[in-house]
Amino acid sequence: MKKIVIFASGSGSNAEKIIAHFKHSDQAKVVKVFSNNPKAKVLERAANHELPAEVFTREDLNNGTVLQKINTIQPDLIVLAGFLLKFPEDIIAMYPQKIINIHPALLPKYGGKGMYGENVHKAVLENKERETGITIHYVNEQYDEGGIIFQKAVSVEECTTPEEIAEKVHQLEHEHFPKVIEQLISKS
């Protein structure tokens, strides 16, 4: 059985879709959720699925404490689902091509430091983009610059607010993220 761990900082709607997708799988299971935010709704979502979750600090992430905890699990895939901190190089080096992230835009557009969530959707609206979408990519040492695994576009010509754009992007995330993870797991 392949093991997946999820890192999330916020509401965890993507994390919950992934957890539910693999709940009855004979191929892989989400075995733990990590969060840097003790108030994150993802912790409640994990508890609702009787899944262990752990809160850590930025210092824990950067001093090797989190890496030690990951190493005890030996996951086949580490999934960043709305995780807002830069992932440390020591974890990336230990798990090459086994850490993925989802970004709420079509990279390389609207990527990089500070480009997450509503910041991305506001920029898309302000620049009068006709479409946006999602990018699932490997994590490397730079924000949003790892190899692209999957992209899906959606028209936003009719959208007049960042919230409307966010809704369309969330639909894509929820539909495609679990499927792409399943494809990656089946190849590993």
N, C-alpha and C. Protein backbone atom coordinates (compact mmCIF):
# COMPACT_ATOMS: atom_id res chain seq x y z
N MET A 1 0.85 -1.19 0.00
CA MET A 1 0.00 0.00 0.00
C MET A 1 0.89 1.25 0.00
N LYS A 2 0.69 2.10 -0.97
CA LYS A 2 1.46 3.35 -1.06
C LYS A 2 0.95 4.35 -0.03
N LYS A 3 1.87 5.16 0.49
CA LYS A 3 1.53 6.12 1.54
C LYS A 3 1.65 7.55 1.02
N ILE A 4 0.63 8.34 1.32
CA ILE A 4 0.58 9.75 0.94
C ILE A 4 0.50 10.58 2.22
N VAL A 5 1.29 11.64 2.30
CA VAL A 5 1.12 12.62 3.36
C VAL A 5 0.76 13.95 2.70
N ILE A 6 -0.06 14.72 3.41
CA ILE A 6 -0.54 16.00 2.90
C ILE A 6 -0.07 17.11 3.83
N PHE A 7 0.39 18.19 3.22
CA PHE A 7 0.72 19.42 3.95
C PHE A 7 -0.29 20.48 3.51
N ALA A 8 -0.92 21.14 4.48
CA ALA A 8 -1.90 22.19 4.18
C ALA A 8 -1.85 23.27 5.26
N SER A 9 -2.19 24.48 4.86
CA SER A 9 -2.16 25.61 5.80
C SER A 9 -3.54 26.19 6.09
N GLY A 10 -4.55 25.80 5.31
CA GLY A 10 -5.84 26.50 5.41
C GLY A 10 -7.03 25.59 5.56
N SER A 11 -8.04 25.83 4.72
CA SER A 11 -9.32 25.15 4.89
C SER A 11 -9.25 23.66 4.59
N GLY A 12 -8.40 23.28 3.66
CA GLY A 12 -8.21 21.86 3.40
C GLY A 12 -9.25 21.21 2.51
N SER A 13 -9.92 22.00 1.67
CA SER A 13 -10.92 21.38 0.79
C SER A 13 -10.26 20.42 -0.20
N ASN A 14 -9.10 20.78 -0.73
CA ASN A 14 -8.39 19.84 -1.61
C ASN A 14 -7.92 18.62 -0.84
N ALA A 15 -7.40 18.84 0.35
CA ALA A 15 -6.94 17.72 1.18
C ALA A 15 -8.09 16.74 1.42
N GLU A 16 -9.26 17.28 1.72
CA GLU A 16 -10.40 16.40 1.99
C GLU A 16 -10.80 15.60 0.75
N LYS A 17 -10.76 16.23 -0.42
CA LYS A 17 -11.08 15.51 -1.66
C LYS A 17 -10.08 14.37 -1.89
N ILE A 18 -8.82 14.64 -1.60
CA ILE A 18 -7.78 13.61 -1.77
C ILE A 18 -7.98 12.48 -0.76
N ILE A 19 -8.23 12.83 0.50
CA ILE A 19 -8.46 11.83 1.54
C ILE A 19 -9.64 10.94 1.16
N ALA A 20 -10.73 11.56 0.73
CA ALA A 20 -11.93 10.80 0.36
C ALA A 20 -11.66 9.92 -0.86
N HIS A 21 -10.92 10.44 -1.82
CA HIS A 21 -10.62 9.69 -3.05
C HIS A 21 -9.88 8.38 -2.74
N PHE A 22 -8.97 8.44 -1.78
CA PHE A 22 -8.15 7.26 -1.48
C PHE A 22 -8.65 6.45 -0.28
N LYS A 23 -9.76 6.86 0.31
CA LYS A 23 -10.24 6.22 1.53
C LYS A 23 -10.46 4.71 1.35
N HIS A 24 -10.99 4.31 0.21
CA HIS A 24 -11.28 2.89 -0.02
C HIS A 24 -10.39 2.29 -1.11
N SER A 25 -9.27 2.96 -1.37
CA SER A 25 -8.35 2.49 -2.40
C SER A 25 -7.53 1.32 -1.88
N ASP A 26 -7.24 0.38 -2.76
CA ASP A 26 -6.32 -0.69 -2.37
C ASP A 26 -4.91 -0.39 -2.90
N GLN A 27 -4.76 0.78 -3.50
CA GLN A 27 -3.50 1.20 -4.08
C GLN A 27 -2.71 2.15 -3.16
N ALA A 28 -3.42 3.10 -2.53
CA ALA A 28 -2.75 4.11 -1.71
C ALA A 28 -3.71 4.66 -0.66
N LYS A 29 -3.12 5.22 0.39
CA LYS A 29 -3.90 5.85 1.45
C LYS A 29 -3.18 7.11 1.91
N VAL A 30 -3.98 8.11 2.28
CA VAL A 30 -3.42 9.25 2.98
C VAL A 30 -3.21 8.79 4.42
N VAL A 31 -1.98 8.91 4.91
CA VAL A 31 -1.68 8.39 6.24
C VAL A 31 -1.52 9.48 7.29
N LYS A 32 -1.29 10.74 6.85
CA LYS A 32 -1.13 11.81 7.83
C LYS A 32 -1.27 13.17 7.15
N VAL A 33 -1.75 14.12 7.94
CA VAL A 33 -1.84 15.51 7.50
C VAL A 33 -0.94 16.34 8.41
N PHE A 34 -0.14 17.20 7.79
CA PHE A 34 0.71 18.14 8.52
C PHE A 34 0.22 19.56 8.24
N SER A 35 0.24 20.40 9.27
CA SER A 35 -0.13 21.80 9.07
C SER A 35 0.73 22.71 9.93
N ASN A 36 1.06 23.87 9.38
CA ASN A 36 1.80 24.88 10.11
C ASN A 36 0.85 25.85 10.82
N ASN A 37 -0.45 25.64 10.69
CA ASN A 37 -1.44 26.55 11.23
C ASN A 37 -2.34 25.81 12.22
N PRO A 38 -2.20 26.10 13.51
CA PRO A 38 -3.00 25.38 14.50
C PRO A 38 -4.50 25.64 14.40
N LYS A 39 -4.90 26.69 13.66
CA LYS A 39 -6.32 27.01 13.49
C LYS A 39 -6.86 26.58 12.12
N ALA A 40 -6.05 25.88 11.36
CA ALA A 40 -6.46 25.48 10.01
C ALA A 40 -7.63 24.49 10.05
N LYS A 41 -8.60 24.72 9.20
CA LYS A 41 -9.76 23.83 9.12
C LYS A 41 -9.37 22.44 8.63
N VAL A 42 -8.23 22.33 7.94
CA VAL A 42 -7.79 21.02 7.47
C VAL A 42 -7.61 20.04 8.63
N LEU A 43 -7.27 20.54 9.81
CA LEU A 43 -7.10 19.67 10.98
C LEU A 43 -8.43 19.04 11.38
N GLU A 44 -9.48 19.83 11.32
CA GLU A 44 -10.83 19.33 11.61
C GLU A 44 -11.25 18.31 10.55
N ARG A 45 -10.94 18.62 9.31
CA ARG A 45 -11.30 17.69 8.22
C ARG A 45 -10.57 16.35 8.40
N ALA A 46 -9.30 16.41 8.77
CA ALA A 46 -8.54 15.18 9.01
C ALA A 46 -9.18 14.38 10.15
N ALA A 47 -9.53 15.06 11.23
CA ALA A 47 -10.15 14.39 12.37
C ALA A 47 -11.47 13.74 11.97
N ASN A 48 -12.24 14.40 11.12
CA ASN A 48 -13.51 13.84 10.65
C ASN A 48 -13.30 12.54 9.88
N HIS A 49 -12.13 12.37 9.30
CA HIS A 49 -11.80 11.14 8.57
C HIS A 49 -10.93 10.19 9.42
N GLU A 50 -10.84 10.50 10.72
CA GLU A 50 -10.05 9.69 11.66
C GLU A 50 -8.62 9.51 11.18
N LEU A 51 -8.07 10.62 10.68
CA LEU A 51 -6.73 10.62 10.13
C LEU A 51 -5.82 11.42 11.06
N PRO A 52 -4.65 10.90 11.41
CA PRO A 52 -3.76 11.65 12.29
C PRO A 52 -3.28 12.94 11.61
N ALA A 53 -3.20 13.98 12.43
CA ALA A 53 -2.72 15.28 11.94
C ALA A 53 -1.73 15.84 12.95
N GLU A 54 -0.82 16.63 12.44
CA GLU A 54 0.20 17.20 13.31
C GLU A 54 0.45 18.65 12.93
N VAL A 55 0.53 19.49 13.95
CA VAL A 55 0.84 20.91 13.76
C VAL A 55 2.32 21.10 14.08
N PHE A 56 2.98 21.90 13.27
CA PHE A 56 4.39 22.19 13.48
C PHE A 56 4.63 23.68 13.26
N THR A 57 5.78 24.14 13.70
CA THR A 57 6.15 25.54 13.51
C THR A 57 7.07 25.68 12.30
N ARG A 58 7.25 26.92 11.89
CA ARG A 58 8.20 27.19 10.79
C ARG A 58 9.59 26.71 11.19
N GLU A 59 9.94 26.90 12.46
CA GLU A 59 11.25 26.44 12.95
C GLU A 59 11.37 24.93 12.83
N ASP A 60 10.30 24.20 13.21
CA ASP A 60 10.30 22.73 13.07
C ASP A 60 10.52 22.31 11.63
N LEU A 61 9.92 23.06 10.70
CA LEU A 61 10.06 22.75 9.28
C LEU A 61 11.50 22.95 8.82
N ASN A 62 12.12 24.01 9.31
CA ASN A 62 13.45 24.38 8.82
C ASN A 62 14.62 23.76 9.58
N ASN A 63 14.37 23.20 10.77
CA ASN A 63 15.49 22.64 11.55
C ASN A 63 15.60 21.12 11.46
N GLY A 64 14.81 20.49 10.60
CA GLY A 64 14.91 19.05 10.41
C GLY A 64 13.91 18.23 11.21
N THR A 65 13.17 18.85 12.12
CA THR A 65 12.20 18.12 12.93
C THR A 65 11.11 17.50 12.07
N VAL A 66 10.59 18.27 11.12
CA VAL A 66 9.53 17.75 10.25
C VAL A 66 10.10 16.65 9.34
N LEU A 67 11.30 16.85 8.83
CA LEU A 67 11.92 15.82 7.99
C LEU A 67 12.03 14.50 8.77
N GLN A 68 12.44 14.55 10.02
CA GLN A 68 12.52 13.33 10.83
C GLN A 68 11.17 12.63 10.92
N LYS A 69 10.11 13.42 11.09
CA LYS A 69 8.76 12.84 11.20
C LYS A 69 8.32 12.24 9.87
N ILE A 70 8.66 12.91 8.77
CA ILE A 70 8.35 12.36 7.44
C ILE A 70 9.11 11.04 7.24
N ASN A 71 10.38 11.03 7.64
CA ASN A 71 11.20 9.83 7.45
C ASN A 71 10.66 8.62 8.21
N THR A 72 9.99 8.85 9.34
CA THR A 72 9.40 7.72 10.07
C THR A 72 8.23 7.12 9.30
N ILE A 73 7.61 7.92 8.43
CA ILE A 73 6.48 7.44 7.62
C ILE A 73 6.97 6.81 6.32
N GLN A 74 8.04 7.37 5.75
CA GLN A 74 8.54 6.93 4.43
C GLN A 74 7.43 7.00 3.36
N PRO A 75 6.87 8.20 3.14
CA PRO A 75 5.77 8.30 2.17
C PRO A 75 6.25 8.09 0.74
N ASP A 76 5.33 7.61 -0.08
CA ASP A 76 5.60 7.46 -1.51
C ASP A 76 5.36 8.78 -2.24
N LEU A 77 4.51 9.65 -1.64
CA LEU A 77 4.22 10.94 -2.23
C LEU A 77 3.88 11.94 -1.12
N ILE A 78 4.43 13.13 -1.25
CA ILE A 78 4.12 14.24 -0.35
C ILE A 78 3.35 15.26 -1.18
N VAL A 79 2.14 15.58 -0.72
CA VAL A 79 1.25 16.46 -1.47
C VAL A 79 1.08 17.78 -0.71
N LEU A 80 1.42 18.88 -1.38
CA LEU A 80 1.17 20.20 -0.81
C LEU A 80 -0.17 20.67 -1.37
N ALA A 81 -1.13 20.83 -0.49
CA ALA A 81 -2.49 21.20 -0.90
C ALA A 81 -2.88 22.47 -0.15
N GLY A 82 -2.48 23.60 -0.70
CA GLY A 82 -2.74 24.85 -0.01
C GLY A 82 -1.76 25.06 1.13
N PHE A 83 -0.53 24.66 0.92
CA PHE A 83 0.52 24.85 1.93
C PHE A 83 1.30 26.10 1.56
N LEU A 84 1.39 27.05 2.48
CA LEU A 84 1.88 28.38 2.13
C LEU A 84 3.35 28.66 2.44
N LEU A 85 4.03 27.76 3.13
CA LEU A 85 5.44 27.99 3.42
C LEU A 85 6.31 27.37 2.34
N LYS A 86 7.48 27.96 2.14
CA LYS A 86 8.43 27.38 1.19
C LYS A 86 8.94 26.06 1.76
N PHE A 87 8.94 25.04 0.93
CA PHE A 87 9.37 23.72 1.39
C PHE A 87 10.89 23.69 1.47
N PRO A 88 11.44 23.17 2.56
CA PRO A 88 12.90 23.19 2.76
C PRO A 88 13.65 22.27 1.80
N GLU A 89 14.85 22.71 1.48
CA GLU A 89 15.69 21.97 0.53
C GLU A 89 16.07 20.59 1.04
N ASP A 90 16.21 20.42 2.37
CA ASP A 90 16.61 19.10 2.87
C ASP A 90 15.51 18.06 2.61
N ILE A 91 14.25 18.45 2.71
CA ILE A 91 13.16 17.52 2.42
C ILE A 91 13.09 17.25 0.92
N ILE A 92 13.24 18.31 0.12
CA ILE A 92 13.22 18.16 -1.34
C ILE A 92 14.33 17.20 -1.79
N ALA A 93 15.51 17.36 -1.20
CA ALA A 93 16.65 16.50 -1.56
C ALA A 93 16.40 15.05 -1.17
N MET A 94 15.74 14.83 -0.05
CA MET A 94 15.48 13.48 0.45
C MET A 94 14.37 12.78 -0.35
N TYR A 95 13.45 13.58 -0.91
CA TYR A 95 12.30 13.02 -1.64
C TYR A 95 12.19 13.64 -3.04
N PRO A 96 13.22 13.44 -3.86
CA PRO A 96 13.18 14.05 -5.20
C PRO A 96 12.06 13.46 -6.06
N GLN A 97 11.35 14.35 -6.74
CA GLN A 97 10.24 13.95 -7.62
C GLN A 97 9.15 13.18 -6.88
N LYS A 98 9.07 13.41 -5.57
CA LYS A 98 8.02 12.77 -4.77
C LYS A 98 7.22 13.81 -3.98
N ILE A 99 7.44 15.09 -4.31
CA ILE A 99 6.71 16.18 -3.64
C ILE A 99 6.01 16.98 -4.74
N ILE A 100 4.69 17.09 -4.62
CA ILE A 100 3.94 17.84 -5.62
C ILE A 100 3.12 18.95 -4.97
N ASN A 101 2.78 19.94 -5.77
CA ASN A 101 2.00 21.08 -5.32
C ASN A 101 0.95 21.39 -6.37
N ILE A 102 -0.11 22.05 -5.94
CA ILE A 102 -1.11 22.55 -6.88
C ILE A 102 -1.10 24.06 -6.80
N HIS A 103 -1.15 24.70 -7.95
CA HIS A 103 -1.13 26.16 -8.02
C HIS A 103 -2.40 26.63 -8.74
N PRO A 104 -3.05 27.69 -8.24
CA PRO A 104 -4.33 28.12 -8.81
C PRO A 104 -4.19 29.05 -10.02
N ALA A 105 -3.30 28.72 -10.93
CA ALA A 105 -3.12 29.47 -12.17
C ALA A 105 -2.35 28.59 -13.14
N LEU A 106 -2.26 29.07 -14.37
CA LEU A 106 -1.51 28.35 -15.40
C LEU A 106 -0.07 28.84 -15.38
N LEU A 107 0.76 28.14 -14.62
CA LEU A 107 2.17 28.53 -14.54
C LEU A 107 2.79 28.48 -15.92
N PRO A 108 3.74 29.34 -16.23
CA PRO A 108 4.48 30.20 -15.31
C PRO A 108 3.78 31.50 -14.95
N LYS A 109 2.62 31.78 -15.52
CA LYS A 109 1.90 33.00 -15.15
C LYS A 109 1.46 32.94 -13.69
N TYR A 110 1.57 34.05 -13.02
CA TYR A 110 1.05 34.24 -11.66
C TYR A 110 1.61 33.25 -10.64
N GLY A 111 2.90 32.96 -10.78
CA GLY A 111 3.57 32.11 -9.81
C GLY A 111 4.58 32.91 -9.03
N GLY A 112 5.20 32.28 -8.06
CA GLY A 112 6.25 32.90 -7.28
C GLY A 112 5.79 33.31 -5.89
N LYS A 113 6.72 33.88 -5.16
CA LYS A 113 6.48 34.27 -3.77
C LYS A 113 5.29 35.24 -3.68
N GLY A 114 4.40 34.94 -2.78
CA GLY A 114 3.23 35.80 -2.55
C GLY A 114 2.07 35.53 -3.48
N MET A 115 2.28 34.69 -4.48
CA MET A 115 1.20 34.40 -5.44
C MET A 115 0.49 33.13 -5.02
N TYR A 116 -0.53 33.30 -4.19
CA TYR A 116 -1.36 32.18 -3.74
C TYR A 116 -2.77 32.71 -3.52
N GLY A 117 -3.72 31.78 -3.58
CA GLY A 117 -5.10 32.09 -3.27
C GLY A 117 -5.64 33.33 -3.97
N GLU A 118 -6.25 34.18 -3.19
CA GLU A 118 -6.93 35.36 -3.73
C GLU A 118 -5.96 36.31 -4.45
N ASN A 119 -4.70 36.34 -4.03
CA ASN A 119 -3.72 37.19 -4.72
C ASN A 119 -3.63 36.82 -6.19
N VAL A 120 -3.66 35.53 -6.49
CA VAL A 120 -3.60 35.06 -7.87
C VAL A 120 -4.86 35.48 -8.62
N HIS A 121 -6.01 35.24 -8.02
CA HIS A 121 -7.28 35.52 -8.70
C HIS A 121 -7.47 37.01 -8.96
N LYS A 122 -7.03 37.85 -8.01
CA LYS A 122 -7.08 39.31 -8.23
C LYS A 122 -6.20 39.71 -9.42
N ALA A 123 -5.00 39.14 -9.48
CA ALA A 123 -4.09 39.46 -10.58
C ALA A 123 -4.67 39.02 -11.92
N VAL A 124 -5.28 37.86 -11.96
CA VAL A 124 -5.90 37.36 -13.18
C VAL A 124 -7.00 38.32 -13.63
N LEU A 125 -7.83 38.76 -12.69
CA LEU A 125 -8.93 39.69 -13.00
C LEU A 125 -8.39 41.04 -13.45
N GLU A 126 -7.41 41.59 -12.71
CA GLU A 126 -6.85 42.90 -13.04
C GLU A 126 -6.19 42.91 -14.42
N ASN A 127 -5.62 41.80 -14.81
CA ASN A 127 -4.96 41.72 -16.11
C ASN A 127 -5.91 41.29 -17.24
N LYS A 128 -7.20 41.19 -16.89
CA LYS A 128 -8.24 40.87 -17.88
C LYS A 128 -7.92 39.60 -18.69
N GLU A 129 -7.42 38.59 -17.98
CA GLU A 129 -7.13 37.31 -18.63
C GLU A 129 -8.44 36.67 -19.10
N ARG A 130 -8.37 36.00 -20.22
CA ARG A 130 -9.55 35.30 -20.75
C ARG A 130 -9.70 33.93 -20.11
N GLU A 131 -8.56 33.37 -19.66
CA GLU A 131 -8.62 32.07 -19.01
C GLU A 131 -7.57 32.00 -17.91
N THR A 132 -7.83 31.10 -17.00
CA THR A 132 -6.87 30.75 -15.96
C THR A 132 -7.02 29.25 -15.77
N GLY A 133 -6.54 28.74 -14.67
CA GLY A 133 -6.69 27.30 -14.46
C GLY A 133 -5.86 26.82 -13.30
N ILE A 134 -5.43 25.58 -13.40
CA ILE A 134 -4.62 24.97 -12.35
C ILE A 134 -3.36 24.38 -12.96
N THR A 135 -2.33 24.32 -12.14
CA THR A 135 -1.09 23.64 -12.49
C THR A 135 -0.70 22.73 -11.34
N ILE A 136 -0.49 21.47 -11.63
CA ILE A 136 0.06 20.54 -10.65
C ILE A 136 1.51 20.32 -11.08
N HIS A 137 2.42 20.53 -10.13
CA HIS A 137 3.85 20.49 -10.48
C HIS A 137 4.67 19.88 -9.36
N TYR A 138 5.86 19.41 -9.74
CA TYR A 138 6.81 18.95 -8.74
C TYR A 138 7.35 20.16 -7.99
N VAL A 139 7.73 19.93 -6.74
CA VAL A 139 8.30 20.99 -5.91
C VAL A 139 9.82 20.93 -6.02
N ASN A 140 10.40 22.10 -6.29
CA ASN A 140 11.86 22.21 -6.24
C ASN A 140 12.22 23.35 -5.31
N GLU A 141 13.44 23.85 -5.39
CA GLU A 141 13.93 24.84 -4.44
C GLU A 141 13.33 26.24 -4.66
N GLN A 142 12.66 26.46 -5.78
CA GLN A 142 12.07 27.77 -6.08
C GLN A 142 10.54 27.67 -6.05
N TYR A 143 9.90 28.77 -5.64
CA TYR A 143 8.44 28.80 -5.66
C TYR A 143 7.91 28.56 -7.07
N ASP A 144 7.07 27.56 -7.22
CA ASP A 144 6.30 27.34 -8.44
C ASP A 144 7.13 27.14 -9.71
N GLU A 145 8.35 26.63 -9.58
CA GLU A 145 9.19 26.44 -10.75
C GLU A 145 9.52 24.98 -11.05
N GLY A 146 8.99 24.04 -10.26
CA GLY A 146 9.25 22.63 -10.52
C GLY A 146 8.55 22.16 -11.79
N GLY A 147 8.97 21.02 -12.30
CA GLY A 147 8.41 20.49 -13.53
C GLY A 147 6.90 20.34 -13.49
N ILE A 148 6.25 20.76 -14.57
CA ILE A 148 4.79 20.71 -14.65
C ILE A 148 4.35 19.28 -14.97
N ILE A 149 3.39 18.80 -14.19
CA ILE A 149 2.82 17.47 -14.35
C ILE A 149 1.51 17.55 -15.13
N PHE A 150 0.70 18.57 -14.81
CA PHE A 150 -0.65 18.65 -15.37
C PHE A 150 -1.13 20.09 -15.33
N GLN A 151 -1.82 20.52 -16.39
CA GLN A 151 -2.49 21.82 -16.39
C GLN A 151 -3.87 21.66 -16.99
N LYS A 152 -4.80 22.46 -16.50
CA LYS A 152 -6.15 22.49 -17.05
C LYS A 152 -6.63 23.94 -16.99
N ALA A 153 -7.15 24.42 -18.13
CA ALA A 153 -7.61 25.80 -18.23
C ALA A 153 -9.12 25.89 -18.11
N VAL A 154 -9.58 27.08 -17.72
CA VAL A 154 -11.00 27.37 -17.66
C VAL A 154 -11.19 28.83 -18.08
N SER A 155 -12.26 29.10 -18.81
CA SER A 155 -12.56 30.47 -19.22
C SER A 155 -13.03 31.29 -18.03
N VAL A 156 -12.52 32.52 -17.93
CA VAL A 156 -12.97 33.44 -16.87
C VAL A 156 -13.44 34.77 -17.47
N GLU A 157 -13.77 34.75 -18.76
CA GLU A 157 -14.21 35.98 -19.43
C GLU A 157 -15.46 36.58 -18.79
N GLU A 158 -16.32 35.73 -18.26
CA GLU A 158 -17.58 36.20 -17.67
C GLU A 158 -17.42 36.61 -16.20
N CYS A 159 -16.28 36.31 -15.60
CA CYS A 159 -16.08 36.57 -14.17
C CYS A 159 -15.82 38.06 -13.92
N THR A 160 -16.45 38.57 -12.86
CA THR A 160 -16.27 39.99 -12.51
C THR A 160 -15.65 40.19 -11.14
N THR A 161 -15.42 39.10 -10.40
CA THR A 161 -14.80 39.19 -9.08
C THR A 161 -13.76 38.08 -8.91
N PRO A 162 -12.80 38.31 -8.01
CA PRO A 162 -11.84 37.23 -7.71
C PRO A 162 -12.53 35.99 -7.16
N GLU A 163 -13.63 36.18 -6.43
CA GLU A 163 -14.35 35.05 -5.84
C GLU A 163 -14.95 34.15 -6.93
N GLU A 164 -15.46 34.77 -8.01
CA GLU A 164 -16.00 33.97 -9.11
C GLU A 164 -14.90 33.15 -9.78
N ILE A 165 -13.75 33.77 -9.95
CA ILE A 165 -12.60 33.06 -10.52
C ILE A 165 -12.19 31.91 -9.60
N ALA A 166 -12.12 32.20 -8.30
CA ALA A 166 -11.74 31.18 -7.32
C ALA A 166 -12.67 29.98 -7.38
N GLU A 167 -13.95 30.22 -7.53
CA GLU A 167 -14.92 29.12 -7.59
C GLU A 167 -14.65 28.21 -8.78
N LYS A 168 -14.37 28.80 -9.94
CA LYS A 168 -14.07 27.99 -11.13
C LYS A 168 -12.77 27.20 -10.95
N VAL A 169 -11.78 27.84 -10.35
CA VAL A 169 -10.49 27.17 -10.13
C VAL A 169 -10.64 26.04 -9.12
N HIS A 170 -11.40 26.28 -8.05
CA HIS A 170 -11.62 25.21 -7.05
C HIS A 170 -12.29 24.00 -7.68
N GLN A 171 -13.23 24.22 -8.58
CA GLN A 171 -13.88 23.09 -9.24
C GLN A 171 -12.85 22.24 -10.00
N LEU A 172 -11.93 22.92 -10.70
CA LEU A 172 -10.88 22.19 -11.41
C LEU A 172 -9.98 21.43 -10.44
N GLU A 173 -9.59 22.11 -9.35
CA GLU A 173 -8.71 21.47 -8.35
C GLU A 173 -9.35 20.20 -7.81
N HIS A 174 -10.61 20.32 -7.38
CA HIS A 174 -11.29 19.19 -6.75
C HIS A 174 -11.49 18.04 -7.73
N GLU A 175 -11.72 18.37 -9.00
CA GLU A 175 -11.93 17.32 -9.99
C GLU A 175 -10.63 16.61 -10.38
N HIS A 176 -9.55 17.37 -10.55
CA HIS A 176 -8.35 16.80 -11.15
C HIS A 176 -7.24 16.40 -10.18
N PHE A 177 -7.09 17.09 -9.05
CA PHE A 177 -5.96 16.81 -8.16
C PHE A 177 -5.93 15.35 -7.71
N PRO A 178 -7.04 14.79 -7.19
CA PRO A 178 -6.98 13.38 -6.77
C PRO A 178 -6.65 12.42 -7.91
N LYS A 179 -7.17 12.69 -9.11
CA LYS A 179 -6.91 11.82 -10.27
C LYS A 179 -5.44 11.86 -10.67
N VAL A 180 -4.85 13.04 -10.67
CA VAL A 180 -3.44 13.15 -11.03
C VAL A 180 -2.56 12.44 -10.00
N ILE A 181 -2.91 12.59 -8.73
CA ILE A 181 -2.17 11.89 -7.67
C ILE A 181 -2.26 10.38 -7.88
N GLU A 182 -3.45 9.91 -8.21
CA GLU A 182 -3.63 8.47 -8.45
C GLU A 182 -2.75 8.00 -9.61
N GLN A 183 -2.67 8.79 -10.68
CA GLN A 183 -1.82 8.43 -11.82
C GLN A 183 -0.34 8.38 -11.42
N LEU A 184 0.09 9.37 -10.63
CA LEU A 184 1.48 9.40 -10.18
C LEU A 184 1.79 8.19 -9.29
N ILE A 185 0.90 7.89 -8.39
CA ILE A 185 1.10 6.76 -7.47
C ILE A 185 1.17 5.44 -8.24
N SER A 186 0.35 5.31 -9.27
CA SER A 186 0.33 4.05 -10.01
C SER A 186 1.63 3.86 -10.81
N LYS A 187 2.32 4.95 -11.10
CA LYS A 187 3.59 4.87 -11.85
C LYS A 187 4.80 4.67 -10.94
N SER A 188 4.62 4.93 -9.64
CA SER A 188 5.78 4.87 -8.74
C SER A 188 6.04 3.47 -8.23
